Amino acid sequence: MAMDASELEKLILGSMPDATIRIDDLRGDGDHYAAYVTSEAFRGKSRVQQHQLVYQALQGAMGGQLHALALHTSVPDEV
């Protein structure tokens, strides 16, 4: 069972409401996505910790509904 990109975005926003998210469906199958997530929640955290926050937000969907996720995380630029 595939996951819709909007559902993926909804799950991430549920944990990180300030996030700016872009999701690309890499194969058009709803199973392989690239997600670009920018959030203040990532500030001061290592790349691994940032990715862990996103995976926690997905509530176990990785490996089930979601087969592959190329994850790109960043903090917002300082103004």
PDB file of N, CA and C in Angstrom:
ATOM      1  N   MET A   1       0.843  -1.184   0.000  1.00  0.00           N
ATOM      2  CA  MET A   1       0.000   0.000   0.000  1.00  0.00           C
ATOM      3  C   MET A   1       0.885   1.242   0.000  1.00  0.00           C
ATOM      4  N   ALA A   2       0.701   2.111  -0.969  1.00  0.00           N
ATOM      5  CA  ALA A   2       1.503   3.325  -1.107  1.00  0.00           C
ATOM      6  C   ALA A   2       0.969   4.441  -0.211  1.00  0.00           C
ATOM      7  N   MET A   3       1.813   5.435   0.000  1.00  0.00           N
ATOM      8  CA  MET A   3       1.437   6.591   0.803  1.00  0.00           C
ATOM      9  C   MET A   3       1.383   7.815  -0.107  1.00  0.00           C
ATOM     10  N   ASP A   4       0.345   8.594   0.015  1.00  0.00           N
ATOM     11  CA  ASP A   4       0.194   9.816  -0.749  1.00  0.00           C
ATOM     12  C   ASP A   4       1.144  10.885  -0.200  1.00  0.00           C
ATOM     13  N   ALA A   5       1.696  11.705  -1.090  1.00  0.00           N
ATOM     14  CA  ALA A   5       2.631  12.765  -0.681  1.00  0.00           C
ATOM     15  C   ALA A   5       1.993  13.723   0.321  1.00  0.00           C
ATOM     16  N   SER A   6       0.701  13.993   0.172  1.00  0.00           N
ATOM     17  CA  SER A   6       0.029  14.901   1.111  1.00  0.00           C
ATOM     18  C   SER A   6      -0.054  14.290   2.510  1.00  0.00           C
ATOM     19  N   GLU A   7      -0.190  12.980   2.597  1.00  0.00           N
ATOM     20  CA  GLU A   7      -0.208  12.307   3.898  1.00  0.00           C
ATOM     21  C   GLU A   7       1.172  12.375   4.549  1.00  0.00           C
ATOM     22  N   LEU A   8       2.193  12.208   3.750  1.00  0.00           N
ATOM     23  CA  LEU A   8       3.562  12.320   4.231  1.00  0.00           C
ATOM     24  C   LEU A   8       3.804  13.719   4.792  1.00  0.00           C
ATOM     25  N   GLU A   9       3.388  14.723   4.056  1.00  0.00           N
ATOM     26  CA  GLU A   9       3.532  16.106   4.515  1.00  0.00           C
ATOM     27  C   GLU A   9       2.742  16.352   5.794  1.00  0.00           C
ATOM     28  N   LYS A  10       1.534  15.835   5.860  1.00  0.00           N
ATOM     29  CA  LYS A  10       0.678  16.004   7.043  1.00  0.00           C
ATOM     30  C   LYS A  10       1.336  15.409   8.286  1.00  0.00           C
ATOM     31  N   LEU A  11       1.928  14.242   8.166  1.00  0.00           N
ATOM     32  CA  LEU A  11       2.590  13.607   9.307  1.00  0.00           C
ATOM     33  C   LEU A  11       3.775  14.439   9.800  1.00  0.00           C
ATOM     34  N   ILE A  12       4.562  14.947   8.868  1.00  0.00           N
ATOM     35  CA  ILE A  12       5.722  15.762   9.250  1.00  0.00           C
ATOM     36  C   ILE A  12       5.257  17.048   9.919  1.00  0.00           C
ATOM     37  N   LEU A  13       4.266  17.707   9.338  1.00  0.00           N
ATOM     38  CA  LEU A  13       3.752  18.951   9.919  1.00  0.00           C
ATOM     39  C   LEU A  13       3.110  18.728  11.282  1.00  0.00           C
ATOM     40  N   GLY A  14       2.604  17.533  11.520  1.00  0.00           N
ATOM     41  CA  GLY A  14       2.026  17.219  12.823  1.00  0.00           C
ATOM     42  C   GLY A  14       3.048  17.274  13.935  1.00  0.00           C
ATOM     43  N   SER A  15       4.304  16.980  13.624  1.00  0.00           N
ATOM     44  CA  SER A  15       5.374  17.026  14.615  1.00  0.00           C
ATOM     45  C   SER A  15       6.184  18.312  14.552  1.00  0.00           C
ATOM     46  N   MET A  16       6.221  18.916  13.372  1.00  0.00           N
ATOM     47  CA  MET A  16       7.006  20.139  13.168  1.00  0.00           C
ATOM     48  C   MET A  16       6.146  21.161  12.417  1.00  0.00           C
ATOM     49  N   PRO A  17       5.234  21.831  13.120  1.00  0.00           N
ATOM     50  CA  PRO A  17       4.286  22.737  12.457  1.00  0.00           C
ATOM     51  C   PRO A  17       4.935  23.888  11.688  1.00  0.00           C
ATOM     52  N   ASP A  18       6.174  24.241  12.055  1.00  0.00           N
ATOM     53  CA  ASP A  18       6.849  25.350  11.381  1.00  0.00           C
ATOM     54  C   ASP A  18       7.567  24.912  10.105  1.00  0.00           C
ATOM     55  N   ALA A  19       7.547  23.641   9.813  1.00  0.00           N
ATOM     56  CA  ALA A  19       8.349  23.094   8.714  1.00  0.00           C
ATOM     57  C   ALA A  19       7.895  23.603   7.347  1.00  0.00           C
ATOM     58  N   THR A  20       8.886  23.818   6.502  1.00  0.00           N
ATOM     59  CA  THR A  20       8.664  24.048   5.087  1.00  0.00           C
ATOM     60  C   THR A  20       9.052  22.742   4.407  1.00  0.00           C
ATOM     61  N   ILE A  21       8.151  22.197   3.606  1.00  0.00           N
ATOM     62  CA  ILE A  21       8.348  20.856   3.063  1.00  0.00           C
ATOM     63  C   ILE A  21       8.117  20.851   1.558  1.00  0.00           C
ATOM     64  N   ARG A  22       9.021  20.179   0.849  1.00  0.00           N
ATOM     65  CA  ARG A  22       8.811  19.880  -0.569  1.00  0.00           C
ATOM     66  C   ARG A  22       8.991  18.383  -0.723  1.00  0.00           C
ATOM     67  N   ILE A  23       8.035  17.747  -1.362  1.00  0.00           N
ATOM     68  CA  ILE A  23       8.099  16.300  -1.557  1.00  0.00           C
ATOM     69  C   ILE A  23       8.025  15.998  -3.050  1.00  0.00           C
ATOM     70  N   ASP A  24       8.997  15.223  -3.514  1.00  0.00           N
ATOM     71  CA  ASP A  24       9.024  14.788  -4.906  1.00  0.00           C
ATOM     72  C   ASP A  24       8.794  13.284  -4.951  1.00  0.00           C
ATOM     73  N   ASP A  25       7.844  12.850  -5.770  1.00  0.00           N
ATOM     74  CA  ASP A  25       7.607  11.426  -5.996  1.00  0.00           C
ATOM     75  C   ASP A  25       8.595  10.978  -7.062  1.00  0.00           C
ATOM     76  N   LEU A  26       9.597  10.226  -6.671  1.00  0.00           N
ATOM     77  CA  LEU A  26      10.713   9.906  -7.552  1.00  0.00           C
ATOM     78  C   LEU A  26      10.360   8.955  -8.686  1.00  0.00           C
ATOM     79  N   ARG A  27       9.384   8.087  -8.471  1.00  0.00           N
ATOM     80  CA  ARG A  27       9.024   7.100  -9.502  1.00  0.00           C
ATOM     81  C   ARG A  27       7.569   7.177  -9.932  1.00  0.00           C
ATOM     82  N   GLY A  28       6.803   8.033  -9.298  1.00  0.00           N
ATOM     83  CA  GLY A  28       5.383   8.139  -9.624  1.00  0.00           C
ATOM     84  C   GLY A  28       4.560   6.995  -9.069  1.00  0.00           C
ATOM     85  N   ASP A  29       5.130   6.257  -8.103  1.00  0.00           N
ATOM     86  CA  ASP A  29       4.434   5.092  -7.556  1.00  0.00           C
ATOM     87  C   ASP A  29       3.952   5.270  -6.123  1.00  0.00           C
ATOM     88  N   GLY A  30       4.217   6.443  -5.523  1.00  0.00           N
ATOM     89  CA  GLY A  30       3.797   6.671  -4.145  1.00  0.00           C
ATOM     90  C   GLY A  30       4.587   5.875  -3.135  1.00  0.00           C
ATOM     91  N   ASP A  31       5.678   5.283  -3.548  1.00  0.00           N
ATOM     92  CA  ASP A  31       6.517   4.460  -2.669  1.00  0.00           C
ATOM     93  C   ASP A  31       7.932   5.007  -2.508  1.00  0.00           C
ATOM     94  N   HIS A  32       8.350   5.848  -3.436  1.00  0.00           N
ATOM     95  CA  HIS A  32       9.724   6.352  -3.448  1.00  0.00           C
ATOM     96  C   HIS A  32       9.685   7.878  -3.521  1.00  0.00           C
ATOM     97  N   TYR A  33      10.027   8.518  -2.417  1.00  0.00           N
ATOM     98  CA  TYR A  33       9.962   9.970  -2.335  1.00  0.00           C
ATOM     99  C   TYR A  33      11.313  10.575  -1.983  1.00  0.00           C
ATOM    100  N   ALA A  34      11.463  11.836  -2.351  1.00  0.00           N
ATOM    101  CA  ALA A  34      12.517  12.689  -1.808  1.00  0.00           C
ATOM    102  C   ALA A  34      11.789  13.783  -1.037  1.00  0.00           C
ATOM    103  N   ALA A  35      12.188  14.003   0.201  1.00  0.00           N
ATOM    104  CA  ALA A  35      11.568  15.032   1.029  1.00  0.00           C
ATOM    105  C   ALA A  35      12.620  16.043   1.446  1.00  0.00           C
ATOM    106  N   TYR A  36      12.304  17.299   1.245  1.00  0.00           N
ATOM    107  CA  TYR A  36      13.161  18.406   1.631  1.00  0.00           C
ATOM    108  C   TYR A  36      12.438  19.134   2.757  1.00  0.00           C
ATOM    109  N   VAL A  37      12.994  19.060   3.955  1.00  0.00           N
ATOM    110  CA  VAL A  37      12.326  19.588   5.142  1.00  0.00           C
ATOM    111  C   VAL A  37      13.221  20.622   5.814  1.00  0.00           C
ATOM    112  N   THR A  38      12.681  21.818   6.002  1.00  0.00           N
ATOM    113  CA  THR A  38      13.376  22.882   6.711  1.00  0.00           C
ATOM    114  C   THR A  38      12.572  23.201   7.955  1.00  0.00           C
ATOM    115  N   SER A  39      13.231  23.177   9.119  1.00  0.00           N
ATOM    116  CA  SER A  39      12.522  23.430  10.369  1.00  0.00           C
ATOM    117  C   SER A  39      13.484  23.973  11.423  1.00  0.00           C
ATOM    118  N   GLU A  40      12.978  24.850  12.238  1.00  0.00           N
ATOM    119  CA  GLU A  40      13.743  25.376  13.368  1.00  0.00           C
ATOM    120  C   GLU A  40      14.034  24.251  14.364  1.00  0.00           C
ATOM    121  N   ALA A  41      13.229  23.203  14.364  1.00  0.00           N
ATOM    122  CA  ALA A  41      13.432  22.063  15.280  1.00  0.00           C
ATOM    123  C   ALA A  41      14.777  21.383  15.035  1.00  0.00           C
ATOM    124  N   PHE A  42      15.373  21.587  13.875  1.00  0.00           N
ATOM    125  CA  PHE A  42      16.642  20.961  13.542  1.00  0.00           C
ATOM    126  C   PHE A  42      17.863  21.744  14.053  1.00  0.00           C
ATOM    127  N   ARG A  43      17.648  22.982  14.458  1.00  0.00           N
ATOM    128  CA  ARG A  43      18.776  23.828  14.858  1.00  0.00           C
ATOM    129  C   ARG A  43      19.545  23.195  16.020  1.00  0.00           C
ATOM    130  N   GLY A  44      20.863  23.111  15.859  1.00  0.00           N
ATOM    131  CA  GLY A  44      21.722  22.571  16.904  1.00  0.00           C
ATOM    132  C   GLY A  44      21.794  21.053  16.931  1.00  0.00           C
ATOM    133  N   LYS A  45      21.088  20.410  16.015  1.00  0.00           N
ATOM    134  CA  LYS A  45      21.080  18.948  15.984  1.00  0.00           C
ATOM    135  C   LYS A  45      21.949  18.446  14.830  1.00  0.00           C
ATOM    136  N   SER A  46      22.523  17.269  15.019  1.00  0.00           N
ATOM    137  CA  SER A  46      23.299  16.651  13.945  1.00  0.00           C
ATOM    138  C   SER A  46      22.353  16.208  12.831  1.00  0.00           C
ATOM    139  N   ARG A  47      22.912  15.912  11.672  1.00  0.00           N
ATOM    140  CA  ARG A  47      22.107  15.439  10.542  1.00  0.00           C
ATOM    141  C   ARG A  47      21.345  14.167  10.927  1.00  0.00           C
ATOM    142  N   VAL A  48      22.003  13.268  11.653  1.00  0.00           N
ATOM    143  CA  VAL A  48      21.345  12.028  12.090  1.00  0.00           C
ATOM    144  C   VAL A  48      20.168  12.353  13.002  1.00  0.00           C
ATOM    145  N   GLN A  49      20.347  13.257  13.935  1.00  0.00           N
ATOM    146  CA  GLN A  49      19.258  13.633  14.840  1.00  0.00           C
ATOM    147  C   GLN A  49      18.101  14.297  14.076  1.00  0.00           C
ATOM    148  N   GLN A  50      18.439  15.107  13.080  1.00  0.00           N
ATOM    149  CA  GLN A  50      17.400  15.733  12.252  1.00  0.00           C
ATOM    150  C   GLN A  50      16.574  14.674  11.538  1.00  0.00           C
ATOM    151  N   HIS A  51      17.244  13.697  10.952  1.00  0.00           N
ATOM    152  CA  HIS A  51      16.545  12.631  10.234  1.00  0.00           C
ATOM    153  C   HIS A  51      15.713  11.795  11.199  1.00  0.00           C
ATOM    154  N   GLN A  52      16.218  11.569  12.397  1.00  0.00           N
ATOM    155  CA  GLN A  52      15.463  10.810  13.396  1.00  0.00           C
ATOM    156  C   GLN A  52      14.166  11.522  13.746  1.00  0.00           C
ATOM    157  N   LEU A  53      14.191  12.852  13.827  1.00  0.00           N
ATOM    158  CA  LEU A  53      12.965  13.607  14.109  1.00  0.00           C
ATOM    159  C   LEU A  53      11.923  13.395  13.019  1.00  0.00           C
ATOM    160  N   VAL A  54      12.374  13.377  11.768  1.00  0.00           N
ATOM    161  CA  VAL A  54      11.440  13.163  10.660  1.00  0.00           C
ATOM    162  C   VAL A  54      10.888  11.739  10.700  1.00  0.00           C
ATOM    163  N   TYR A  55      11.749  10.762  10.913  1.00  0.00           N
ATOM    164  CA  TYR A  55      11.298   9.372  10.977  1.00  0.00           C
ATOM    165  C   TYR A  55      10.305   9.161  12.122  1.00  0.00           C
ATOM    166  N   GLN A  56      10.534   9.818  13.254  1.00  0.00           N
ATOM    167  CA  GLN A  56       9.580   9.734  14.367  1.00  0.00           C
ATOM    168  C   GLN A  56       8.234  10.318  13.957  1.00  0.00           C
ATOM    169  N   ALA A  57       8.267  11.406  13.200  1.00  0.00           N
ATOM    170  CA  ALA A  57       7.027  12.041  12.739  1.00  0.00           C
ATOM    171  C   ALA A  57       6.234  11.126  11.816  1.00  0.00           C
ATOM    172  N   LEU A  58       6.930  10.231  11.114  1.00  0.00           N
ATOM    173  CA  LEU A  58       6.253   9.335  10.173  1.00  0.00           C
ATOM    174  C   LEU A  58       5.524   8.185  10.857  1.00  0.00           C
ATOM    175  N   GLN A  59       5.666   8.071  12.154  1.00  0.00           N
ATOM    176  CA  GLN A  59       4.902   7.124  12.972  1.00  0.00           C
ATOM    177  C   GLN A  59       4.931   5.696  12.433  1.00  0.00           C
ATOM    178  N   GLY A  60       6.109   5.233  12.069  1.00  0.00           N
ATOM    179  CA  GLY A  60       6.253   3.841  11.650  1.00  0.00           C
ATOM    180  C   GLY A  60       5.907   3.537  10.201  1.00  0.00           C
ATOM    181  N   ALA A  61       5.645   4.561   9.399  1.00  0.00           N
ATOM    182  CA  ALA A  61       5.277   4.325   7.996  1.00  0.00           C
ATOM    183  C   ALA A  61       6.461   3.844   7.148  1.00  0.00           C
ATOM    184  N   MET A  62       7.681   4.170   7.563  1.00  0.00           N
ATOM    185  CA  MET A  62       8.859   3.720   6.804  1.00  0.00           C
ATOM    186  C   MET A  62       8.926   2.202   6.832  1.00  0.00           C
ATOM    187  N   GLY A  63       9.131   1.615   5.658  1.00  0.00           N
ATOM    188  CA  GLY A  63       9.215   0.163   5.556  1.00  0.00           C
ATOM    189  C   GLY A  63       7.865  -0.496   5.403  1.00  0.00           C
ATOM    190  N   GLY A  64       6.811   0.255   5.605  1.00  0.00           N
ATOM    191  CA  GLY A  64       5.457  -0.270   5.426  1.00  0.00           C
ATOM    192  C   GLY A  64       4.829   0.424   4.229  1.00  0.00           C
ATOM    193  N   GLN A  65       4.046   1.471   4.522  1.00  0.00           N
ATOM    194  CA  GLN A  65       3.413   2.251   3.459  1.00  0.00           C
ATOM    195  C   GLN A  65       4.447   2.984   2.608  1.00  0.00           C
ATOM    196  N   LEU A  66       5.557   3.330   3.215  1.00  0.00           N
ATOM    197  CA  LEU A  66       6.582   4.107   2.545  1.00  0.00           C
ATOM    198  C   LEU A  66       7.835   3.269   2.400  1.00  0.00           C
ATOM    199  N   HIS A  67       8.194   2.969   1.168  1.00  0.00           N
ATOM    200  CA  HIS A  67       9.319   2.072   0.914  1.00  0.00           C
ATOM    201  C   HIS A  67      10.664   2.789   0.951  1.00  0.00           C
ATOM    202  N   ALA A  68      10.758   3.958   0.312  1.00  0.00           N
ATOM    203  CA  ALA A  68      12.042   4.656   0.231  1.00  0.00           C
ATOM    204  C   ALA A  68      11.838   6.154   0.380  1.00  0.00           C
ATOM    205  N   LEU A  69      12.713   6.776   1.166  1.00  0.00           N
ATOM    206  CA  LEU A  69      12.648   8.213   1.386  1.00  0.00           C
ATOM    207  C   LEU A  69      14.059   8.781   1.380  1.00  0.00           C
ATOM    208  N   ALA A  70      14.348   9.587   0.363  1.00  0.00           N
ATOM    209  CA  ALA A  70      15.610  10.330   0.328  1.00  0.00           C
ATOM    210  C   ALA A  70      15.343  11.622   1.095  1.00  0.00           C
ATOM    211  N   LEU A  71      15.952  11.761   2.243  1.00  0.00           N
ATOM    212  CA  LEU A  71      15.637  12.844   3.162  1.00  0.00           C
ATOM    213  C   LEU A  71      16.726  13.907   3.148  1.00  0.00           C
ATOM    214  N   HIS A  72      16.297  15.151   2.990  1.00  0.00           N
ATOM    215  CA  HIS A  72      17.193  16.304   3.006  1.00  0.00           C
ATOM    216  C   HIS A  72      16.645  17.271   4.047  1.00  0.00           C
ATOM    217  N   THR A  73      17.413  17.533   5.093  1.00  0.00           N
ATOM    218  CA  THR A  73      16.944  18.412   6.167  1.00  0.00           C
ATOM    219  C   THR A  73      17.849  19.624   6.289  1.00  0.00           C
ATOM    220  N   SER A  74      17.265  20.730   6.770  1.00  0.00           N
ATOM    221  CA  SER A  74      18.039  21.948   6.983  1.00  0.00           C
ATOM    222  C   SER A  74      17.310  22.845   7.982  1.00  0.00           C
ATOM    223  N   VAL A  75      18.049  23.814   8.507  1.00  0.00           N
ATOM    224  CA  VAL A  75      17.451  24.821   9.377  1.00  0.00           C
ATOM    225  C   VAL A  75      17.167  26.065   8.527  1.00  0.00           C
ATOM    226  N   PRO A  76      16.195  26.878   8.946  1.00  0.00           N
ATOM    227  CA  PRO A  76      15.913  28.100   8.179  1.00  0.00           C
ATOM    228  C   PRO A  76      17.115  29.045   8.218  1.00  0.00           C
ATOM    229  N   ASP A  77      17.273  29.804   7.147  1.00  0.00           N
ATOM    230  CA  ASP A  77      18.329  30.807   7.117  1.00  0.00           C
ATOM    231  C   ASP A  77      18.020  31.883   8.144  1.00  0.00           C
ATOM    232  N   GLU A  78      19.075  32.387   8.768  1.00  0.00           N
ATOM    233  CA  GLU A  78      18.916  33.493   9.724  1.00  0.00           C
ATOM    234  C   GLU A  78      18.639  34.762   8.931  1.00  0.00           C
ATOM    235  N   VAL A  79      17.723  35.570   9.442  1.00  0.00           N
ATOM    236  CA  VAL A  79      17.355  36.817   8.741  1.00  0.00           C
ATOM    237  C   VAL A  79      18.085  37.974   9.346  1.00  0.00           C
TER     238      VAL A  79
END
